[in-house]
Amino acid sequence: MINLIMKNEKGEFRTIITNVTDINIASQELIGVSIDNLTKQSLLSVPADGFYSNEKVYDSILQTEFYNNQKNINCKTGDGFEFTYTKKMINKTNLGRLFYKVCVAEL
């Protein structure tokens, strides 16, 4: 998972969209809201500073049509902000594992 941002040389940033994945069963906005909801329900956790050190994990997201469209739309601004992303990660919680086992796996 990644967050799309505009960032300048001072490290200041503006968030474009959060929780971007390579999941394509719904719009990125709906998927992002779903991840937020699952996090609020403690079924998933998204550590604020957590990310995978293996860059290849993010390749499938960076190759999506959505990512490339956003990259083309969000050009460098006059005040020095450029399109980039921050790496994120999703963890299953104990409650999330139990919920899956009880409510989903049996279906």
PDB file of N, CA and C in Angstrom:
ATOM      1  N   MET A   1       0.844  -1.163   0.000  1.00  0.00           N
ATOM      2  CA  MET A   1       0.000   0.000   0.000  1.00  0.00           C
ATOM      3  C   MET A   1       0.895   1.233   0.000  1.00  0.00           C
ATOM      4  N   ILE A   2       0.436   2.299  -0.649  1.00  0.00           N
ATOM      5  CA  ILE A   2       1.163   3.565  -0.674  1.00  0.00           C
ATOM      6  C   ILE A   2       0.181   4.720  -0.492  1.00  0.00           C
ATOM      7  N   ASN A   3       0.714   5.859  -0.085  1.00  0.00           N
ATOM      8  CA  ASN A   3      -0.021   7.111  -0.080  1.00  0.00           C
ATOM      9  C   ASN A   3       0.587   7.992  -1.155  1.00  0.00           C
ATOM     10  N   LEU A   4      -0.240   8.607  -1.966  1.00  0.00           N
ATOM     11  CA  LEU A   4       0.240   9.517  -3.004  1.00  0.00           C
ATOM     12  C   LEU A   4       0.310  10.919  -2.424  1.00  0.00           C
ATOM     13  N   ILE A   5       1.454  11.568  -2.627  1.00  0.00           N
ATOM     14  CA  ILE A   5       1.664  12.894  -2.059  1.00  0.00           C
ATOM     15  C   ILE A   5       2.365  13.809  -3.052  1.00  0.00           C
ATOM     16  N   MET A   6       2.314  15.090  -2.758  1.00  0.00           N
ATOM     17  CA  MET A   6       3.133  16.098  -3.416  1.00  0.00           C
ATOM     18  C   MET A   6       4.106  16.570  -2.349  1.00  0.00           C
ATOM     19  N   LYS A   7       5.421  16.546  -2.658  1.00  0.00           N
ATOM     20  CA  LYS A   7       6.451  16.855  -1.660  1.00  0.00           C
ATOM     21  C   LYS A   7       7.441  17.852  -2.240  1.00  0.00           C
ATOM     22  N   ASN A   8       7.941  18.760  -1.379  1.00  0.00           N
ATOM     23  CA  ASN A   8       8.961  19.707  -1.839  1.00  0.00           C
ATOM     24  C   ASN A   8      10.308  19.375  -1.205  1.00  0.00           C
ATOM     25  N   GLU A   9      11.326  20.148  -1.559  1.00  0.00           N
ATOM     26  CA  GLU A   9      12.691  19.891  -1.076  1.00  0.00           C
ATOM     27  C   GLU A   9      12.832  20.074   0.424  1.00  0.00           C
ATOM     28  N   LYS A  10      11.943  20.838   1.052  1.00  0.00           N
ATOM     29  CA  LYS A  10      11.986  21.057   2.503  1.00  0.00           C
ATOM     30  C   LYS A  10      11.383  19.877   3.273  1.00  0.00           C
ATOM     31  N   GLY A  11      10.793  18.925   2.545  1.00  0.00           N
ATOM     32  CA  GLY A  11      10.149  17.797   3.204  1.00  0.00           C
ATOM     33  C   GLY A  11       8.687  18.025   3.498  1.00  0.00           C
ATOM     34  N   GLU A  12       8.184  19.197   3.141  1.00  0.00           N
ATOM     35  CA  GLU A  12       6.759  19.477   3.315  1.00  0.00           C
ATOM     36  C   GLU A  12       5.985  18.678   2.279  1.00  0.00           C
ATOM     37  N   PHE A  13       4.785  18.232   2.643  1.00  0.00           N
ATOM     38  CA  PHE A  13       4.006  17.440   1.694  1.00  0.00           C
ATOM     39  C   PHE A  13       2.522  17.722   1.810  1.00  0.00           C
ATOM     40  N   ARG A  14       1.837  17.409   0.735  1.00  0.00           N
ATOM     41  CA  ARG A  14       0.378  17.493   0.650  1.00  0.00           C
ATOM     42  C   ARG A  14      -0.112  16.117   0.210  1.00  0.00           C
ATOM     43  N   THR A  15      -1.040  15.561   0.937  1.00  0.00           N
ATOM     44  CA  THR A  15      -1.562  14.242   0.602  1.00  0.00           C
ATOM     45  C   THR A  15      -2.577  14.355  -0.528  1.00  0.00           C
ATOM     46  N   ILE A  16      -2.425  13.510  -1.531  1.00  0.00           N
ATOM     47  CA  ILE A  16      -3.376  13.437  -2.641  1.00  0.00           C
ATOM     48  C   ILE A  16      -4.437  12.391  -2.331  1.00  0.00           C
ATOM     49  N   ILE A  17      -3.993  11.162  -2.049  1.00  0.00           N
ATOM     50  CA  ILE A  17      -4.908  10.067  -1.723  1.00  0.00           C
ATOM     51  C   ILE A  17      -4.138   9.030  -0.899  1.00  0.00           C
ATOM     52  N   THR A  18      -4.830   8.444   0.061  1.00  0.00           N
ATOM     53  CA  THR A  18      -4.202   7.452   0.931  1.00  0.00           C
ATOM     54  C   THR A  18      -4.674   6.045   0.579  1.00  0.00           C
ATOM     55  N   ASN A  19      -3.916   5.078   1.053  1.00  0.00           N
ATOM     56  CA  ASN A  19      -4.277   3.656   0.958  1.00  0.00           C
ATOM     57  C   ASN A  19      -4.439   3.168  -0.480  1.00  0.00           C
ATOM     58  N   VAL A  20      -3.519   3.528  -1.345  1.00  0.00           N
ATOM     59  CA  VAL A  20      -3.562   3.082  -2.737  1.00  0.00           C
ATOM     60  C   VAL A  20      -2.958   1.680  -2.810  1.00  0.00           C
ATOM     61  N   THR A  21      -3.681   0.773  -3.435  1.00  0.00           N
ATOM     62  CA  THR A  21      -3.236  -0.614  -3.562  1.00  0.00           C
ATOM     63  C   THR A  21      -3.333  -1.046  -5.019  1.00  0.00           C
ATOM     64  N   ASP A  22      -2.999  -2.299  -5.262  1.00  0.00           N
ATOM     65  CA  ASP A  22      -3.191  -2.855  -6.598  1.00  0.00           C
ATOM     66  C   ASP A  22      -4.487  -3.666  -6.677  1.00  0.00           C
ATOM     67  N   ILE A  23      -5.318  -3.556  -5.664  1.00  0.00           N
ATOM     68  CA  ILE A  23      -6.624  -4.214  -5.670  1.00  0.00           C
ATOM     69  C   ILE A  23      -7.509  -3.482  -6.668  1.00  0.00           C
ATOM     70  N   ASN A  24      -8.149  -4.228  -7.562  1.00  0.00           N
ATOM     71  CA  ASN A  24      -8.935  -3.563  -8.610  1.00  0.00           C
ATOM     72  C   ASN A  24     -10.397  -4.018  -8.656  1.00  0.00           C
ATOM     73  N   ILE A  25     -10.953  -4.414  -7.524  1.00  0.00           N
ATOM     74  CA  ILE A  25     -12.358  -4.842  -7.503  1.00  0.00           C
ATOM     75  C   ILE A  25     -13.323  -3.684  -7.264  1.00  0.00           C
ATOM     76  N   ALA A  26     -12.778  -2.509  -6.952  1.00  0.00           N
ATOM     77  CA  ALA A  26     -13.575  -1.304  -6.739  1.00  0.00           C
ATOM     78  C   ALA A  26     -12.667  -0.103  -6.984  1.00  0.00           C
ATOM     79  N   SER A  27     -13.212   1.091  -6.871  1.00  0.00           N
ATOM     80  CA  SER A  27     -12.402   2.297  -7.066  1.00  0.00           C
ATOM     81  C   SER A  27     -11.368   2.409  -5.949  1.00  0.00           C
ATOM     82  N   GLN A  28     -10.269   3.090  -6.237  1.00  0.00           N
ATOM     83  CA  GLN A  28      -9.239   3.283  -5.219  1.00  0.00           C
ATOM     84  C   GLN A  28      -9.789   4.039  -4.011  1.00  0.00           C
ATOM     85  N   GLU A  29     -10.706   4.969  -4.248  1.00  0.00           N
ATOM     86  CA  GLU A  29     -11.302   5.720  -3.149  1.00  0.00           C
ATOM     87  C   GLU A  29     -12.086   4.796  -2.226  1.00  0.00           C
ATOM     88  N   LEU A  30     -12.879   3.890  -2.802  1.00  0.00           N
ATOM     89  CA  LEU A  30     -13.674   2.950  -2.002  1.00  0.00           C
ATOM     90  C   LEU A  30     -12.765   1.962  -1.264  1.00  0.00           C
ATOM     91  N   ILE A  31     -11.733   1.491  -1.917  1.00  0.00           N
ATOM     92  CA  ILE A  31     -10.793   0.575  -1.265  1.00  0.00           C
ATOM     93  C   ILE A  31     -10.101   1.276  -0.102  1.00  0.00           C
ATOM     94  N   GLY A  32      -9.689   2.520  -0.311  1.00  0.00           N
ATOM     95  CA  GLY A  32      -9.048   3.289   0.757  1.00  0.00           C
ATOM     96  C   GLY A  32      -9.950   3.470   1.964  1.00  0.00           C
ATOM     97  N   VAL A  33     -11.208   3.789   1.721  1.00  0.00           N
ATOM     98  CA  VAL A  33     -12.181   3.948   2.804  1.00  0.00           C
ATOM     99  C   VAL A  33     -12.403   2.605   3.509  1.00  0.00           C
ATOM    100  N   SER A  34     -12.439   1.530   2.749  1.00  0.00           N
ATOM    101  CA  SER A  34     -12.610   0.199   3.337  1.00  0.00           C
ATOM    102  C   SER A  34     -11.439  -0.151   4.253  1.00  0.00           C
ATOM    103  N   ILE A  35     -10.224   0.151   3.823  1.00  0.00           N
ATOM    104  CA  ILE A  35      -9.045  -0.102   4.664  1.00  0.00           C
ATOM    105  C   ILE A  35      -9.119   0.747   5.927  1.00  0.00           C
ATOM    106  N   ASP A  36      -9.510   2.012   5.801  1.00  0.00           N
ATOM    107  CA  ASP A  36      -9.687   2.862   6.981  1.00  0.00           C
ATOM    108  C   ASP A  36     -10.703   2.255   7.940  1.00  0.00           C
ATOM    109  N   ASN A  37     -11.816   1.770   7.401  1.00  0.00           N
ATOM    110  CA  ASN A  37     -12.870   1.185   8.228  1.00  0.00           C
ATOM    111  C   ASN A  37     -12.387  -0.084   8.934  1.00  0.00           C
ATOM    112  N   LEU A  38     -11.702  -0.967   8.212  1.00  0.00           N
ATOM    113  CA  LEU A  38     -11.182  -2.192   8.825  1.00  0.00           C
ATOM    114  C   LEU A  38     -10.151  -1.872   9.902  1.00  0.00           C
ATOM    115  N   THR A  39      -9.409  -0.790   9.716  1.00  0.00           N
ATOM    116  CA  THR A  39      -8.445  -0.354  10.725  1.00  0.00           C
ATOM    117  C   THR A  39      -9.171   0.164  11.966  1.00  0.00           C
ATOM    118  N   LYS A  40     -10.213   0.966  11.764  1.00  0.00           N
ATOM    119  CA  LYS A  40     -10.982   1.495  12.893  1.00  0.00           C
ATOM    120  C   LYS A  40     -11.666   0.381  13.673  1.00  0.00           C
ATOM    121  N   GLN A  41     -12.012  -0.695  12.996  1.00  0.00           N
ATOM    122  CA  GLN A  41     -12.644  -1.846  13.657  1.00  0.00           C
ATOM    123  C   GLN A  41     -11.609  -2.779  14.289  1.00  0.00           C
ATOM    124  N   SER A  42     -10.338  -2.431  14.182  1.00  0.00           N
ATOM    125  CA  SER A  42      -9.200  -3.203  14.714  1.00  0.00           C
ATOM    126  C   SER A  42      -9.053  -4.572  14.060  1.00  0.00           C
ATOM    127  N   LEU A  43      -9.523  -4.705  12.826  1.00  0.00           N
ATOM    128  CA  LEU A  43      -9.333  -5.950  12.080  1.00  0.00           C
ATOM    129  C   LEU A  43      -8.013  -5.914  11.314  1.00  0.00           C
ATOM    130  N   LEU A  44      -7.533  -4.712  11.005  1.00  0.00           N
ATOM    131  CA  LEU A  44      -6.230  -4.483  10.375  1.00  0.00           C
ATOM    132  C   LEU A  44      -5.518  -3.392  11.154  1.00  0.00           C
ATOM    133  N   SER A  45      -4.207  -3.336  10.999  1.00  0.00           N
ATOM    134  CA  SER A  45      -3.460  -2.187  11.516  1.00  0.00           C
ATOM    135  C   SER A  45      -2.562  -1.662  10.404  1.00  0.00           C
ATOM    136  N   VAL A  46      -2.431  -0.350  10.366  1.00  0.00           N
ATOM    137  CA  VAL A  46      -1.567   0.323   9.402  1.00  0.00           C
ATOM    138  C   VAL A  46      -0.633   1.210  10.215  1.00  0.00           C
ATOM    139  N   PRO A  47       0.551   0.692  10.560  1.00  0.00           N
ATOM    140  CA  PRO A  47       1.481   1.480  11.373  1.00  0.00           C
ATOM    141  C   PRO A  47       1.852   2.783  10.667  1.00  0.00           C
ATOM    142  N   ALA A  48       1.875   3.870  11.425  1.00  0.00           N
ATOM    143  CA  ALA A  48       2.159   5.190  10.847  1.00  0.00           C
ATOM    144  C   ALA A  48       3.509   5.237  10.145  1.00  0.00           C
ATOM    145  N   ASP A  49       4.490   4.544  10.689  1.00  0.00           N
ATOM    146  CA  ASP A  49       5.829   4.593  10.100  1.00  0.00           C
ATOM    147  C   ASP A  49       6.270   3.240   9.544  1.00  0.00           C
ATOM    148  N   GLY A  50       5.345   2.332   9.371  1.00  0.00           N
ATOM    149  CA  GLY A  50       5.696   1.000   8.884  1.00  0.00           C
ATOM    150  C   GLY A  50       5.694   0.907   7.370  1.00  0.00           C
ATOM    151  N   PHE A  51       6.671   0.178   6.833  1.00  0.00           N
ATOM    152  CA  PHE A  51       6.728  -0.091   5.403  1.00  0.00           C
ATOM    153  C   PHE A  51       7.599  -1.315   5.189  1.00  0.00           C
ATOM    154  N   TYR A  52       7.488  -1.906   4.001  1.00  0.00           N
ATOM    155  CA  TYR A  52       8.297  -3.069   3.655  1.00  0.00           C
ATOM    156  C   TYR A  52       9.617  -2.594   3.067  1.00  0.00           C
ATOM    157  N   SER A  53      10.724  -3.167   3.527  1.00  0.00           N
ATOM    158  CA  SER A  53      12.030  -2.748   3.025  1.00  0.00           C
ATOM    159  C   SER A  53      12.302  -3.275   1.620  1.00  0.00           C
ATOM    160  N   ASN A  54      11.617  -4.332   1.228  1.00  0.00           N
ATOM    161  CA  ASN A  54      11.764  -4.879  -0.118  1.00  0.00           C
ATOM    162  C   ASN A  54      10.961  -4.021  -1.098  1.00  0.00           C
ATOM    163  N   GLU A  55      11.636  -3.199  -1.874  1.00  0.00           N
ATOM    164  CA  GLU A  55      10.986  -2.281  -2.820  1.00  0.00           C
ATOM    165  C   GLU A  55      10.079  -3.005  -3.820  1.00  0.00           C
ATOM    166  N   LYS A  56      10.396  -4.239  -4.147  1.00  0.00           N
ATOM    167  CA  LYS A  56       9.635  -4.981  -5.158  1.00  0.00           C
ATOM    168  C   LYS A  56       8.191  -5.210  -4.733  1.00  0.00           C
ATOM    169  N   VAL A  57       7.929  -5.158  -3.441  1.00  0.00           N
ATOM    170  CA  VAL A  57       6.569  -5.322  -2.933  1.00  0.00           C
ATOM    171  C   VAL A  57       5.640  -4.267  -3.530  1.00  0.00           C
ATOM    172  N   TYR A  58       6.177  -3.096  -3.808  1.00  0.00           N
ATOM    173  CA  TYR A  58       5.373  -1.969  -4.281  1.00  0.00           C
ATOM    174  C   TYR A  58       5.268  -1.899  -5.806  1.00  0.00           C
ATOM    175  N   ASP A  59       6.026  -2.717  -6.518  1.00  0.00           N
ATOM    176  CA  ASP A  59       6.051  -2.655  -7.986  1.00  0.00           C
ATOM    177  C   ASP A  59       4.674  -2.825  -8.616  1.00  0.00           C
ATOM    178  N   SER A  60       3.878  -3.740  -8.100  1.00  0.00           N
ATOM    179  CA  SER A  60       2.571  -3.985  -8.716  1.00  0.00           C
ATOM    180  C   SER A  60       1.651  -2.766  -8.588  1.00  0.00           C
ATOM    181  N   ILE A  61       1.803  -2.001  -7.524  1.00  0.00           N
ATOM    182  CA  ILE A  61       1.009  -0.774  -7.361  1.00  0.00           C
ATOM    183  C   ILE A  61       1.503   0.297  -8.331  1.00  0.00           C
ATOM    184  N   LEU A  62       2.820   0.419  -8.452  1.00  0.00           N
ATOM    185  CA  LEU A  62       3.409   1.452  -9.307  1.00  0.00           C
ATOM    186  C   LEU A  62       3.166   1.191 -10.787  1.00  0.00           C
ATOM    187  N   GLN A  63       2.692   0.021 -11.125  1.00  0.00           N
ATOM    188  CA  GLN A  63       2.396  -0.313 -12.514  1.00  0.00           C
ATOM    189  C   GLN A  63       0.910  -0.224 -12.843  1.00  0.00           C
ATOM    190  N   THR A  64       0.083   0.160 -11.869  1.00  0.00           N
ATOM    191  CA  THR A  64      -1.352   0.245 -12.121  1.00  0.00           C
ATOM    192  C   THR A  64      -1.689   1.472 -12.958  1.00  0.00           C
ATOM    193  N   GLU A  65      -2.773   1.381 -13.660  1.00  0.00           N
ATOM    194  CA  GLU A  65      -3.265   2.509 -14.461  1.00  0.00           C
ATOM    195  C   GLU A  65      -3.590   3.690 -13.552  1.00  0.00           C
ATOM    196  N   PHE A  66      -4.177   3.405 -12.378  1.00  0.00           N
ATOM    197  CA  PHE A  66      -4.533   4.476 -11.446  1.00  0.00           C
ATOM    198  C   PHE A  66      -3.306   5.276 -11.034  1.00  0.00           C
ATOM    199  N   TYR A  67      -2.233   4.590 -10.631  1.00  0.00           N
ATOM    200  CA  TYR A  67      -1.005   5.271 -10.213  1.00  0.00           C
ATOM    201  C   TYR A  67      -0.443   6.121 -11.350  1.00  0.00           C
ATOM    202  N   ASN A  68      -0.350   5.540 -12.534  1.00  0.00           N
ATOM    203  CA  ASN A  68       0.218   6.270 -13.670  1.00  0.00           C
ATOM    204  C   ASN A  68      -0.640   7.461 -14.073  1.00  0.00           C
ATOM    205  N   ASN A  69      -1.968   7.343 -13.978  1.00  0.00           N
ATOM    206  CA  ASN A  69      -2.846   8.485 -14.248  1.00  0.00           C
ATOM    207  C   ASN A  69      -2.602   9.594 -13.233  1.00  0.00           C
ATOM    208  N   GLN A  70      -2.493   9.231 -11.968  1.00  0.00           N
ATOM    209  CA  GLN A  70      -2.249  10.234 -10.926  1.00  0.00           C
ATOM    210  C   GLN A  70      -0.898  10.914 -11.121  1.00  0.00           C
ATOM    211  N   LYS A  71       0.082  10.136 -11.522  1.00  0.00           N
ATOM    212  CA  LYS A  71       1.420  10.692 -11.768  1.00  0.00           C
ATOM    213  C   LYS A  71       1.375  11.707 -12.907  1.00  0.00           C
ATOM    214  N   ASN A  72       0.593  11.415 -13.945  1.00  0.00           N
ATOM    215  CA  ASN A  72       0.466  12.333 -15.084  1.00  0.00           C
ATOM    216  C   ASN A  72      -0.348  13.573 -14.737  1.00  0.00           C
ATOM    217  N   ILE A  73      -1.354  13.406 -13.913  1.00  0.00           N
ATOM    218  CA  ILE A  73      -2.234  14.525 -13.534  1.00  0.00           C
ATOM    219  C   ILE A  73      -1.531  15.494 -12.598  1.00  0.00           C
ATOM    220  N   ASN A  74      -0.752  14.969 -11.679  1.00  0.00           N
ATOM    221  CA  ASN A  74      -0.135  15.773 -10.619  1.00  0.00           C
ATOM    222  C   ASN A  74       1.299  16.135 -10.979  1.00  0.00           C
ATOM    223  N   CYS A  75       1.416  17.127 -11.824  1.00  0.00           N
ATOM    224  CA  CYS A  75       2.728  17.593 -12.284  1.00  0.00           C
ATOM    225  C   CYS A  75       3.365  18.486 -11.215  1.00  0.00           C
ATOM    226  N   LYS A  76       4.639  18.774 -11.408  1.00  0.00           N
ATOM    227  CA  LYS A  76       5.359  19.662 -10.488  1.00  0.00           C
ATOM    228  C   LYS A  76       4.662  21.016 -10.441  1.00  0.00           C
ATOM    229  N   THR A  77       4.514  21.550  -9.242  1.00  0.00           N
ATOM    230  CA  THR A  77       3.822  22.829  -9.074  1.00  0.00           C
ATOM    231  C   THR A  77       4.817  23.983  -9.090  1.00  0.00           C
ATOM    232  N   GLY A  78       4.294  25.158  -9.244  1.00  0.00           N
ATOM    233  CA  GLY A  78       5.131  26.349  -9.276  1.00  0.00           C
ATOM    234  C   GLY A  78       5.853  26.609  -7.959  1.00  0.00           C
ATOM    235  N   ASP A  79       5.309  26.086  -6.862  1.00  0.00           N
ATOM    236  CA  ASP A  79       5.958  26.298  -5.561  1.00  0.00           C
ATOM    237  C   ASP A  79       6.862  25.126  -5.161  1.00  0.00           C
ATOM    238  N   GLY A  80       7.247  24.294  -6.151  1.00  0.00           N
ATOM    239  CA  GLY A  80       8.262  23.275  -5.923  1.00  0.00           C
ATOM    240  C   GLY A  80       7.792  21.924  -5.426  1.00  0.00           C
ATOM    241  N   PHE A  81       6.503  21.684  -5.418  1.00  0.00           N
ATOM    242  CA  PHE A  81       6.002  20.385  -4.987  1.00  0.00           C
ATOM    243  C   PHE A  81       5.987  19.413  -6.160  1.00  0.00           C
ATOM    244  N   GLU A  82       6.494  18.186  -5.923  1.00  0.00           N
ATOM    245  CA  GLU A  82       6.546  17.155  -6.951  1.00  0.00           C
ATOM    246  C   GLU A  82       5.812  15.908  -6.486  1.00  0.00           C
ATOM    247  N   PHE A  83       5.259  15.181  -7.439  1.00  0.00           N
ATOM    248  CA  PHE A  83       4.525  13.948  -7.178  1.00  0.00           C
ATOM    249  C   PHE A  83       5.478  12.855  -6.692  1.00  0.00           C
ATOM    250  N   THR A  84       5.081  12.184  -5.635  1.00  0.00           N
ATOM    251  CA  THR A  84       5.812  11.021  -5.145  1.00  0.00           C
ATOM    252  C   THR A  84       4.861  10.193  -4.280  1.00  0.00           C
ATOM    253  N   TYR A  85       5.385   9.258  -3.552  1.00  0.00           N
ATOM    254  CA  TYR A  85       4.548   8.419  -2.692  1.00  0.00           C
ATOM    255  C   TYR A  85       5.314   8.033  -1.432  1.00  0.00           C
ATOM    256  N   THR A  86       4.556   7.657  -0.429  1.00  0.00           N
ATOM    257  CA  THR A  86       5.137   7.085   0.780  1.00  0.00           C
ATOM    258  C   THR A  86       4.700   5.633   0.859  1.00  0.00           C
ATOM    259  N   LYS A  87       5.621   4.790   1.249  1.00  0.00           N
ATOM    260  CA  LYS A  87       5.344   3.354   1.369  1.00  0.00           C
ATOM    261  C   LYS A  87       4.621   3.088   2.683  1.00  0.00           C
ATOM    262  N   LYS A  88       3.667   2.185   2.635  1.00  0.00           N
ATOM    263  CA  LYS A  88       2.903   1.797   3.814  1.00  0.00           C
ATOM    264  C   LYS A  88       2.863   0.271   3.895  1.00  0.00           C
ATOM    265  N   MET A  89       2.295  -0.220   4.976  1.00  0.00           N
ATOM    266  CA  MET A  89       2.109  -1.662   5.121  1.00  0.00           C
ATOM    267  C   MET A  89       0.804  -1.924   5.862  1.00  0.00           C
ATOM    268  N   ILE A  90       0.263  -3.102   5.649  1.00  0.00           N
ATOM    269  CA  ILE A  90      -0.955  -3.536   6.319  1.00  0.00           C
ATOM    270  C   ILE A  90      -0.615  -4.775   7.139  1.00  0.00           C
ATOM    271  N   ASN A  91      -1.042  -4.769   8.391  1.00  0.00           N
ATOM    272  CA  ASN A  91      -0.858  -5.936   9.256  1.00  0.00           C
ATOM    273  C   ASN A  91      -2.211  -6.479   9.677  1.00  0.00           C
ATOM    274  N   LYS A  92      -2.316  -7.782   9.779  1.00  0.00           N
ATOM    275  CA  LYS A  92      -3.510  -8.397  10.357  1.00  0.00           C
ATOM    276  C   LYS A  92      -3.402  -8.295  11.872  1.00  0.00           C
ATOM    277  N   THR A  93      -4.493  -7.997  12.519  1.00  0.00           N
ATOM    278  CA  THR A  93      -4.520  -7.993  13.977  1.00  0.00           C
ATOM    279  C   THR A  93      -4.992  -9.369  14.462  1.00  0.00           C
ATOM    280  N   ASN A  94      -4.835  -9.619  15.749  1.00  0.00           N
ATOM    281  CA  ASN A  94      -5.354 -10.874  16.306  1.00  0.00           C
ATOM    282  C   ASN A  94      -6.864 -10.957  16.125  1.00  0.00           C
ATOM    283  N   LEU A  95      -7.557  -9.840  16.356  1.00  0.00           N
ATOM    284  CA  LEU A  95      -9.004  -9.807  16.152  1.00  0.00           C
ATOM    285  C   LEU A  95      -9.339 -10.062  14.688  1.00  0.00           C
ATOM    286  N   GLY A  96      -8.560  -9.505  13.783  1.00  0.00           N
ATOM    287  CA  GLY A  96      -8.787  -9.709  12.356  1.00  0.00           C
ATOM    288  C   GLY A  96      -8.618 -11.165  11.952  1.00  0.00           C
ATOM    289  N   ARG A  97      -7.603 -11.813  12.492  1.00  0.00           N
ATOM    290  CA  ARG A  97      -7.390 -13.243  12.203  1.00  0.00           C
ATOM    291  C   ARG A  97      -8.555 -14.074  12.712  1.00  0.00           C
ATOM    292  N   LEU A  98      -9.009 -13.792  13.948  1.00  0.00           N
ATOM    293  CA  LEU A  98     -10.121 -14.531  14.523  1.00  0.00           C
ATOM    294  C   LEU A  98     -11.410 -14.268  13.749  1.00  0.00           C
ATOM    295  N   PHE A  99     -11.648 -13.020  13.394  1.00  0.00           N
ATOM    296  CA  PHE A  99     -12.828 -12.669  12.603  1.00  0.00           C
ATOM    297  C   PHE A  99     -12.843 -13.451  11.289  1.00  0.00           C
ATOM    298  N   TYR A 100     -11.710 -13.500  10.617  1.00  0.00           N
ATOM    299  CA  TYR A 100     -11.615 -14.234   9.363  1.00  0.00           C
ATOM    300  C   TYR A 100     -11.917 -15.715   9.577  1.00  0.00           C
ATOM    301  N   LYS A 101     -11.326 -16.274  10.604  1.00  0.00           N
ATOM    302  CA  LYS A 101     -11.507 -17.717  10.881  1.00  0.00           C
ATOM    303  C   LYS A 101     -12.973 -18.040  11.179  1.00  0.00           C
ATOM    304  N   VAL A 102     -13.606 -17.201  11.962  1.00  0.00           N
ATOM    305  CA  VAL A 102     -14.983 -17.476  12.396  1.00  0.00           C
ATOM    306  C   VAL A 102     -16.013 -17.084  11.339  1.00  0.00           C
ATOM    307  N   CYS A 103     -15.823 -15.943  10.691  1.00  0.00           N
ATOM    308  CA  CYS A 103     -16.878 -15.390   9.841  1.00  0.00           C
ATOM    309  C   CYS A 103     -16.663 -15.581   8.338  1.00  0.00           C
ATOM    310  N   VAL A 104     -15.445 -15.809   7.900  1.00  0.00           N
ATOM    311  CA  VAL A 104     -15.174 -15.846   6.474  1.00  0.00           C
ATOM    312  C   VAL A 104     -14.723 -17.223   6.007  1.00  0.00           C
ATOM    313  N   ALA A 105     -13.773 -17.819   6.695  1.00  0.00           N
ATOM    314  CA  ALA A 105     -13.164 -19.079   6.245  1.00  0.00           C
ATOM    315  C   ALA A 105     -14.169 -20.197   6.116  1.00  0.00           C
ATOM    316  N   GLU A 106     -15.205 -20.177   6.900  1.00  0.00           N
ATOM    317  CA  GLU A 106     -16.205 -21.245   6.874  1.00  0.00           C
ATOM    318  C   GLU A 106     -17.146 -21.151   5.693  1.00  0.00           C
ATOM    319  N   LEU A 107     -17.149 -20.030   4.995  1.00  0.00           N
ATOM    320  CA  LEU A 107     -18.094 -19.837   3.867  1.00  0.00           C
ATOM    321  C   LEU A 107     -17.692 -20.621   2.669  1.00  0.00           C
TER     322      LEU A 107
END
